[in-house]
Protein backbone atom coordinates (compact mmCIF):
# COMPACT_ATOMS: atom_id res chain seq x y z
CA GLU A 1 24.03 4.02 -55.67
CA VAL A 2 23.68 0.24 -55.67
CA GLN A 3 20.17 -1.15 -55.89
CA VAL A 4 19.25 -4.80 -55.51
CA VAL A 5 15.71 -5.86 -56.32
CA GLU A 6 14.57 -9.44 -55.77
CA SER A 7 11.41 -10.78 -57.39
CA GLY A 8 9.68 -13.99 -58.37
CA GLY A 9 8.53 -15.23 -54.99
CA GLY A 10 5.06 -16.44 -54.24
CA MET A 11 3.01 -19.22 -52.74
CA VAL A 12 3.35 -22.70 -54.19
CA GLN A 13 2.44 -26.22 -53.18
CA ALA A 14 5.12 -28.65 -52.10
CA GLY A 15 6.78 -30.15 -55.14
CA GLY A 16 6.29 -27.02 -57.20
CA SER A 17 8.81 -24.64 -58.70
CA LEU A 18 9.67 -20.96 -58.60
CA ARG A 19 12.32 -18.87 -60.31
CA LEU A 20 13.68 -15.95 -58.36
CA SER A 21 15.37 -13.00 -60.03
CA CYS A 22 17.75 -10.43 -58.59
CA ALA A 23 18.24 -7.29 -60.65
CA VAL A 24 21.30 -5.29 -59.70
CA SER A 25 22.04 -1.71 -60.69
CA GLY A 26 24.84 0.60 -59.74
CA LEU A 27 27.59 -1.98 -60.08
CA THR A 28 28.66 -4.69 -62.48
CA ILE A 29 28.07 -8.20 -61.23
CA TRP A 30 30.32 -10.18 -63.53
CA TYR A 31 33.45 -9.80 -61.41
CA LEU A 32 31.75 -10.46 -58.10
CA THR A 33 30.68 -13.68 -56.42
CA TRP A 34 26.93 -13.46 -55.85
CA ALA A 35 24.74 -15.52 -53.62
CA TRP A 36 21.20 -16.14 -52.50
CA TYR A 37 20.35 -16.06 -48.83
CA ARG A 38 17.15 -16.76 -46.93
CA GLN A 39 15.68 -15.80 -43.61
CA THR A 40 12.72 -16.89 -41.54
CA PRO A 41 11.24 -14.82 -38.70
CA GLY A 42 13.39 -14.83 -35.60
CA LYS A 43 16.33 -16.50 -37.32
CA GLU A 44 19.51 -15.29 -38.94
CA ARG A 45 19.85 -14.82 -42.65
CA THR A 46 21.75 -17.79 -44.07
CA LEU A 47 23.48 -18.66 -47.29
CA VAL A 48 21.56 -20.87 -49.72
CA ALA A 49 23.66 -20.84 -52.89
CA ARG A 50 26.69 -19.04 -54.21
CA LEU A 51 28.07 -18.55 -57.73
CA ARG A 52 31.77 -17.78 -57.98
CA TRP A 53 32.55 -15.17 -60.61
CA MET A 54 35.92 -16.42 -61.79
CA ASP A 55 34.82 -19.88 -62.90
CA ASN A 56 31.03 -20.00 -62.37
CA ASP A 57 31.54 -22.64 -59.73
CA ALA A 58 28.33 -23.06 -57.77
CA PHE A 59 27.94 -23.97 -54.11
CA TYR A 60 24.71 -25.12 -52.48
CA ILE A 61 23.80 -25.95 -48.95
CA ASP A 62 23.01 -29.62 -48.52
CA SER A 63 19.27 -29.14 -48.06
CA VAL A 64 18.82 -27.59 -51.51
CA LYS A 65 21.46 -29.50 -53.45
CA GLY A 66 19.95 -31.11 -56.53
CA ARG A 67 16.79 -28.97 -56.30
CA PHE A 68 18.04 -25.37 -56.64
CA THR A 69 20.21 -23.87 -59.39
CA ILE A 70 21.92 -20.48 -59.25
CA THR A 71 22.78 -18.73 -62.49
CA LYS A 72 23.45 -15.22 -63.69
CA ASP A 73 23.13 -13.15 -66.82
CA ASN A 74 25.98 -10.66 -66.94
CA ALA A 75 24.43 -8.76 -69.82
CA LYS A 76 21.28 -8.19 -67.76
CA ASN A 77 23.17 -7.76 -64.48
CA THR A 78 20.76 -10.27 -62.98
CA ILE A 79 21.15 -13.33 -60.79
CA TYR A 80 18.59 -16.15 -60.76
CA LEU A 81 17.64 -18.98 -58.46
CA GLN A 82 15.64 -21.79 -60.01
CA MET A 83 13.93 -23.70 -57.23
CA ASN A 84 12.40 -27.09 -58.01
CA ARG A 85 10.73 -29.72 -55.84
CA LEU A 86 10.07 -27.11 -53.21
CA LYS A 87 9.46 -28.19 -49.64
CA PRO A 88 7.63 -26.44 -46.79
CA GLU A 89 10.99 -25.94 -45.06
CA ASP A 90 12.06 -23.75 -48.00
CA THR A 91 9.54 -21.15 -46.83
CA ALA A 92 11.46 -17.94 -46.17
CA THR A 93 12.25 -14.49 -47.45
CA TYR A 94 14.97 -14.79 -50.07
CA PHE A 95 17.64 -12.16 -50.64
CA CYS A 96 20.59 -11.82 -52.96
CA ASN A 97 23.88 -10.13 -52.26
CA ASP A 98 27.50 -10.63 -53.05
CA ASN A 99 29.50 -13.12 -51.03
CA PRO A 100 30.63 -12.30 -48.47
CA PRO A 101 27.64 -9.98 -48.23
CA ASP A 102 27.96 -6.23 -48.38
CA ASN A 103 25.58 -4.70 -45.87
CA GLU A 104 25.01 -1.80 -48.24
CA ASN A 105 23.57 -4.14 -50.88
CA TRP A 106 20.67 -5.84 -49.14
CA GLY A 107 17.36 -5.52 -50.96
CA LYS A 108 13.89 -6.06 -49.56
CA GLY A 109 13.84 -9.71 -50.50
CA THR A 110 11.08 -11.81 -51.99
CA GLN A 111 8.80 -14.07 -49.97
CA VAL A 112 8.56 -17.76 -50.81
CA THR A 113 5.84 -19.76 -49.13
CA VAL A 114 5.55 -23.49 -49.72
CA THR A 115 2.37 -25.19 -48.54
CA SER A 116 2.09 -28.87 -47.74
């Protein structure tokens, strides 16, 4: 059984930083492309950043480019999202999943709240 557990969220002032973690069990992440997604109430879950397994090429949406960094530790089967210079519009619940997402792999997410 695959389990995905996100952690590291919290409340932070604008300009602050958070590091999200995504611990995966039940499958090996190294050969999969993993991504972080986020969702706000009433809106669809959207892609934030993606890390391609074959060459570690990273993709970011424009609004987080230069502020967020996605990495992974294959030995720990964990994916990270370092978020710097946070903005109120980054407030959301953050999830990780492979890309394209497998509906069986969604975790509960971790809430990030950025205050102005």
